Structures are given as C-alpha cells and as structure tokens.
C-alpha cells in the first residue's frame, strides 16, 4: 500500500473555491481530505511549502501527433520575413544532414506576422532546399506551402482540380505551392512520415511538455488510418503515461475501434468518438462567417463540408452512441453544425447524450448560444486567440466582431458548461496562459478586447478541470479532488485565486502527478 499525504499549502479541490489543508492519496486514488487526511498514519508527507495543489489540467482539444511531429520540423513561429524563413529552412536541412530527395517539414509561420504580409512561394522554398521536397505549415494548421519538388512527388499540377472545401493557389495556370484546407491537409497526409525511432523520441518529448504544463489528459483530434501504426508504436513502447483520447475522422472510426477500442485503462489510449471540421481559421480568412470579412463586399470564407455530410457525421455519432467534435471557427460553420444537429436530433434524440462539442467556437455568436444550450452542444473556446491573434482579428473582423470572439462570459451567464483549449501545436499547451487570457482578454499590442467577456479566475479554472473532464464523460474520475477520484494533481507556485489577474501567466508548474506517480518535477 502506497500512501502520500499532501500538506502545508492551499489545496484547491475545484469542488469549492475554498481550499482545504490536506489530501491523502493511496494507490493512485484520493482517499481523504482535510481533517480525515491529517489523521491518517503511515503516509509519506509531501510538504507543499506554501504552493497550491489543484486537480491536474485536462486538455479539451489538441493534436498530440502534430505536436510530436512539430519537434521534427523547422520552427518558423518567430521568423519575421521571407529572408529569415529561407535561412531557417536551409539551415535545418544543412544542420540535420537531410539527404537529397528526403522530405523536409516546417511549421508555425504566420503570413500576418511577416513583413511581406504574404504567404511564401514555392520558389522561395526551392531556393532554400533545391534538392529536397519541402512543405511548411501555417500556424493555424489549415494551410501551407509546398515547393516544386513536393508538388512533383504528389503529382500536383496546374490542372489538378480544387478539392471540395479547399483551394490551391494558382498563377498563370500554374500552382504557386500555396494550398488551403482540404487541398493542403489531404496532400500533407501523403507526405512520408519520419522513422519510428525519431517519432518515439518526439512523442516522449511532446508528452513531457504536456506534463510540464500540468496536463495529464491529452487529445489527438482528427486521426486518420495512416496514423494507426504510430499509436501502435506508442502502445508497444510503453512510453504513453498520460491519458490519450483519440478522435478519428468518421471514415476512420470503425477501423480505429476495431484496432484500439478494447484497450484497458492502464494502456492510456482510448477512442473518444469522431472529429470533423467545418471551416478554416479567422486569422487565415478561411473561417466561414455569416457576414463578410472586414473590407470585403461578399467574401465570407467557406465551408469544408456540405449540409448532407455534416448530417451524416452527426447521425453516425448518434447511431454509434459516441461523441462528435466539430471544428467551427466561424459563426456560419457553427450555425451549420447546430442546424444539422437539430435535424438529426428529431430522429436520434440520444445525440444530446453524446455531448457534442463545438471546437474553437471563436465567432460563435451570443445569439447562437441559446440554441447550442438547448441542443446540449458544448463550446470549447480557443480563448487564447485574444492574445495571439486578437490584433489580426481587429483587422479581419472589425472591432465589434473581434471583441465578441470566444464569448465565455455570455456562456457562463446562460449556465452552459464550456472548456478552454490551446489546439497545440498551433500554440504551446500553456493552460495558465489561457486562463490569463480568459480573465484579462488583452492582445499582444495591449488592446483589451471585449472586456465584457472576461470571466472570474475560478470559472476559468473550471473550464480546464471540472468542465473539461465532463466534456470527456470522465467527471467521475477526473476534474476535481474528491474521495474516490484519480490522484491527478498539479502543484503550482501560487494559488491562482490569490494572485493579481495580470500575473496569472507568471505562475509556474512545480510538479505534476498522474494517479499518484510523479510525471514532472520542475
């Protein structure tokens, strides 16, 4: 019997905003709190030394596989112009001794933050790596650029038709290398994956990063069959310590369940349901809006699925009795999801029971929240967009719409559960930064964006603990510190309820435990 007693620091159970003073863990589960814990004998003491102890954070939406793969790619998030981007790609190929003909990948550039305010061209990438196929992915994950060698290997030419829900960039009948949505995502899937040894190391590092941010439940959204050998590698190697919830596409769902659907909990991988995406990103101006983008007379972005396809996906989820997540950045995409959900619910009322999720929900309108609540659809807000791209949204959407992104306070006032996520690797899995964003709503340029949508710290914490566990249907096991629940814990350098709101993101993760086992020690 392994017993651990946590004392000498505020223990925020998330069952109440009032901390308790002791917590007792036995064999990976919480067995006592407060006085009952203090009266226990035979336990190893952990002196918190004034630090705060909370339930470990639950990641409501991200992409573990992409986060791992990003560690094997050229990091382009900090480049400022085309010259720096070219230098970064060329240096990566040179320093990693990538042989001629082998693919090179880059991740994280954002044309909004480049001096040129444009996407790079295939010619730029050809110059950076003349002997290698190269593809670089936009920070949003929804677009990117292929060089000439990559286009050749993928058999893409100027006569290649635009796929439904996606577009290729063209100039004079030739492909520019730029591709959006399905045109990019579907062709990126065709690029060869790194070797298993590289992947194993990258997954171990990515998992460590999540644990270092206090997260013990993570997600892989939108899995396809090509990724299944990767999951098998994780299982066979035994490196998976965090709980990984996988959401395949509807097309891959049956195969995923057949291969991974009967794993015991101690393997730390389960199929959570299915994932679809209905539009693009607001910073890339591909999110599907009800009204045109700022400065446009008609252009509103575009959908990636037809009404019939969305209806089919929702029907499948209801028939299988499994959760469905839908990427909806724009309010038109959200309306499509809600309307098709209402239609399917007429014949499959159990759709509500699977707890459908609106992923990102950035431009979900306050006027749409009552319908979402009535249908039982939960928004998972990408609220950190306020900081990372808020200034861009002001340009793309105008002040009124930009101020209304991620309307968490309106959802709170309606009594709706909601969660917060980082969509890692789009941004790092820094949940404390996300809490800071939700509480302060300040952009990189210092603009307070939609102060009426700020929420209290305790409610922001619930969005990444209590409500996040509920979103997964795991509220009996995770999300708060209560007798019988898993001892998933995070030790913070300060109690978030006691610091000044502007200082929330300065709090440090000291330690993280998964079912009583230390997975990260800062």
Foldseek 3Di string as FASTA:
>chain_A
DAKEKEAAEFECFLVDNHGAGMWMADQQFTADTHPVRVPDPDHHYDYLNHFYKWFFFAFLDAALLVQLVQVQAQEAQPDAALVSVLVSLLCSCVVVVPDFAAEHEAEAHALCRHPVSDADFLVSNCVSPVRYWYWYAYLQRFKTFTHPSLCVVLVHFLPDDADFQKDFDDDPSTTRRIIGHCRHPVSVLVHDDDDLVSSVVSSLVSVLLCQQLRYQEYERAADAPVCVVVVVSCLVVVSDRGQYEYAYAPVCVVVCCVVADPDDCVSRYHHQYHEEEWWGALLVQQAAEPAAWPPDHGRRHGTRDDLVVLLVRLLVCLVVVGEYEYEHQYQVSVVSNLVSLVVSCVVRVCSLVNAYEHEQQFQNDLVNLVSCVVSNYEYAHQLCCLAEPLVSCCNTHNQPSSLCTPQQQSCVVVVGQYAYHNNPPSPRRNLLSSLLCLQQSAYNVGDRRNNVSRDDSSSNLQRRAQSSCVSSVNNQATRGRDGPHGPWMWTKRHDLNPDDSNCRSVIGTQWTDGSNHTSDGD
